[in-house]
C-alpha atoms as a PDB file:
ATOM      1  CA  UNK A   1      10.821 -31.507 -12.319  1.00  0.00           C
ATOM      2  CA  UNK A   2      10.000 -28.330 -13.221  1.00  0.00           C
ATOM      3  CA  UNK A   3      11.539 -25.549 -10.697  1.00  0.00           C
ATOM      4  CA  UNK A   4       9.585 -23.602  -8.695  1.00  0.00           C
ATOM      5  CA  UNK A   5       9.648 -19.985  -9.987  1.00  0.00           C
ATOM      6  CA  UNK A   6       9.645 -17.022  -7.193  1.00  0.00           C
ATOM      7  CA  UNK A   7       9.295 -13.307  -8.139  1.00  0.00           C
ATOM      8  CA  UNK A   8       9.882 -10.887  -5.153  1.00  0.00           C
ATOM      9  CA  UNK A   9       8.467  -7.703  -5.801  1.00  0.00           C
ATOM     10  CA  UNK A  10      11.082  -5.407  -5.231  1.00  0.00           C
ATOM     11  CA  UNK A  11       8.836  -1.971  -5.576  1.00  0.00           C
ATOM     12  CA  UNK A  12       9.041   1.159  -3.465  1.00  0.00           C
ATOM     13  CA  UNK A  13       5.982  -0.162  -1.214  1.00  0.00           C
ATOM     14  CA  UNK A  14       6.884  -3.777  -1.108  1.00  0.00           C
ATOM     15  CA  UNK A  15      10.575  -2.862  -0.358  1.00  0.00           C
ATOM     16  CA  UNK A  16       9.419  -0.857   2.479  1.00  0.00           C
ATOM     17  CA  UNK A  17       7.210  -3.429   3.868  1.00  0.00           C
ATOM     18  CA  UNK A  18       9.522  -5.939   3.816  1.00  0.00           C
ATOM     19  CA  UNK A  19      10.572  -7.358   0.906  1.00  0.00           C
ATOM     20  CA  UNK A  20      14.419  -5.970   1.520  1.00  0.00           C
ATOM     21  CA  UNK A  21      14.338  -8.983   3.695  1.00  0.00           C
ATOM     22  CA  UNK A  22      12.910 -11.567   0.991  1.00  0.00           C
ATOM     23  CA  UNK A  23      16.367 -10.591  -1.056  1.00  0.00           C
ATOM     24  CA  UNK A  24      18.137 -13.134   1.266  1.00  0.00           C
ATOM     25  CA  UNK A  25      15.690 -15.833   0.572  1.00  0.00           C
ATOM     26  CA  UNK A  26      17.845 -17.378  -2.121  1.00  0.00           C
ATOM     27  CA  UNK A  27      20.815 -17.779   0.342  1.00  0.00           C
ATOM     28  CA  UNK A  28      18.201 -19.171   3.085  1.00  0.00           C
ATOM     29  CA  UNK A  29      16.869 -22.027   0.854  1.00  0.00           C
ATOM     30  CA  UNK A  30      17.936 -25.508   2.139  1.00  0.00           C
ATOM     31  CA  UNK A  31      20.891 -26.698  -0.058  1.00  0.00           C
ATOM     32  CA  UNK A  32      18.618 -29.794  -1.167  1.00  0.00           C
ATOM     33  CA  UNK A  33      15.793 -27.587  -2.554  1.00  0.00           C
ATOM     34  CA  UNK A  34      18.881 -24.883  -4.248  1.00  0.00           C
ATOM     35  CA  UNK A  35      18.546 -26.552  -7.803  1.00  0.00           C
ATOM     36  CA  UNK A  36      14.498 -26.834  -7.620  1.00  0.00           C
ATOM     37  CA  UNK A  37      13.942 -23.339  -6.936  1.00  0.00           C
ATOM     38  CA  UNK A  38      14.504 -20.165  -9.305  1.00  0.00           C
ATOM     39  CA  UNK A  39      14.363 -16.809  -7.402  1.00  0.00           C
ATOM     40  CA  UNK A  40      14.651 -13.460  -9.310  1.00  0.00           C
ATOM     41  CA  UNK A  41      13.793  -9.634  -8.512  1.00  0.00           C
ATOM     42  CA  UNK A  42      10.849  -7.926 -10.120  1.00  0.00           C
ATOM     43  CA  UNK A  43      11.091  -4.065 -10.350  1.00  0.00           C
ATOM     44  CA  UNK A  44       7.304  -3.984  -9.339  1.00  0.00           C
ATOM     45  CA  UNK A  45       4.486  -6.487  -9.773  1.00  0.00           C
ATOM     46  CA  UNK A  46       1.962  -3.743  -9.616  1.00  0.00           C
ATOM     47  CA  UNK A  47      -0.156  -5.388  -6.832  1.00  0.00           C
ATOM     48  CA  UNK A  48      -0.547  -2.998  -4.097  1.00  0.00           C
ATOM     49  CA  UNK A  49      -3.023  -1.018  -6.082  1.00  0.00           C
ATOM     50  CA  UNK A  50      -5.310  -4.065  -6.231  1.00  0.00           C
ATOM     51  CA  UNK A  51      -7.142  -4.308  -2.945  1.00  0.00           C
ATOM     52  CA  UNK A  52      -8.121  -8.295  -3.485  1.00  0.00           C
ATOM     53  CA  UNK A  53      -4.319  -8.917  -2.674  1.00  0.00           C
ATOM     54  CA  UNK A  54      -4.398  -7.764   0.859  1.00  0.00           C
ATOM     55  CA  UNK A  55      -1.040  -6.384   1.888  1.00  0.00           C
ATOM     56  CA  UNK A  56       2.694  -5.827   0.858  1.00  0.00           C
ATOM     57  CA  UNK A  57       5.429  -7.164   0.475  1.00  0.00           C
ATOM     58  CA  UNK A  58       4.102  -9.640  -2.550  1.00  0.00           C
ATOM     59  CA  UNK A  59       5.597 -12.700  -3.784  1.00  0.00           C
ATOM     60  CA  UNK A  60       4.467 -14.449  -7.119  1.00  0.00           C
ATOM     61  CA  UNK A  61       5.494 -18.313  -6.575  1.00  0.00           C
ATOM     62  CA  UNK A  62       4.454 -20.329  -9.821  1.00  0.00           C
ATOM     63  CA  UNK A  63       2.043 -17.644 -10.747  1.00  0.00           C
ATOM     64  CA  UNK A  64       0.293 -17.186  -7.503  1.00  0.00           C
ATOM     65  CA  UNK A  65       0.104 -14.294  -5.313  1.00  0.00           C
ATOM     66  CA  UNK A  66       1.481 -14.382  -2.098  1.00  0.00           C
ATOM     67  CA  UNK A  67       0.906 -11.011   0.028  1.00  0.00           C
ATOM     68  CA  UNK A  68       2.284 -10.186   3.435  1.00  0.00           C
ATOM     69  CA  UNK A  69       5.332 -12.449   2.597  1.00  0.00           C
ATOM     70  CA  UNK A  70       7.786 -13.417   5.076  1.00  0.00           C
ATOM     71  CA  UNK A  71      11.181 -15.690   4.286  1.00  0.00           C
ATOM     72  CA  UNK A  72       9.634 -18.011   6.641  1.00  0.00           C
ATOM     73  CA  UNK A  73       6.191 -18.375   4.922  1.00  0.00           C
ATOM     74  CA  UNK A  74       8.150 -18.653   1.396  1.00  0.00           C
ATOM     75  CA  UNK A  75       9.929 -21.485   2.903  1.00  0.00           C
ATOM     76  CA  UNK A  76       7.173 -23.045   4.095  1.00  0.00           C
ATOM     77  CA  UNK A  77       5.339 -22.926   0.441  1.00  0.00           C
ATOM     78  CA  UNK A  78       8.485 -24.122  -1.132  1.00  0.00           C
ATOM     79  CA  UNK A  79       8.795 -27.272   1.123  1.00  0.00           C
ATOM     80  CA  UNK A  80       5.195 -27.878   0.763  1.00  0.00           C
ATOM     81  CA  UNK A  81       5.155 -27.774  -3.266  1.00  0.00           C
ATOM     82  CA  UNK A  82       8.389 -29.930  -3.106  1.00  0.00           C
ATOM     83  CA  UNK A  83       7.196 -32.547  -0.753  1.00  0.00           C
ATOM     84  CA  UNK A  84       3.514 -32.470  -1.878  1.00  0.00           C
END
C-alpha cells in the first residue's frame, strides 16, 4: 500500500488560522497508521488567494485540498482512507 501524503501549509495566513496546531499531527497519528502516512510541512500552498478553497488552514492529502483543517478532521480522513 502506498503511503498517504499529507502536506500542511505553514504560510502566514494558515499558521495564524490554526496550522500551528496541525504541526503536532505527526505525533497524534495512531501507532497502527504511523508507517502508512507521510506528513510534511509546506512553506506555502498558495491557496488562500483562491476563493474556491474556502478558509485557511489548508492541508493537501494525496493531492486533495482540505480547507479549515483541524487535527480531528485530518485524523478522520486518514482513518477513512486506510479503512475504505
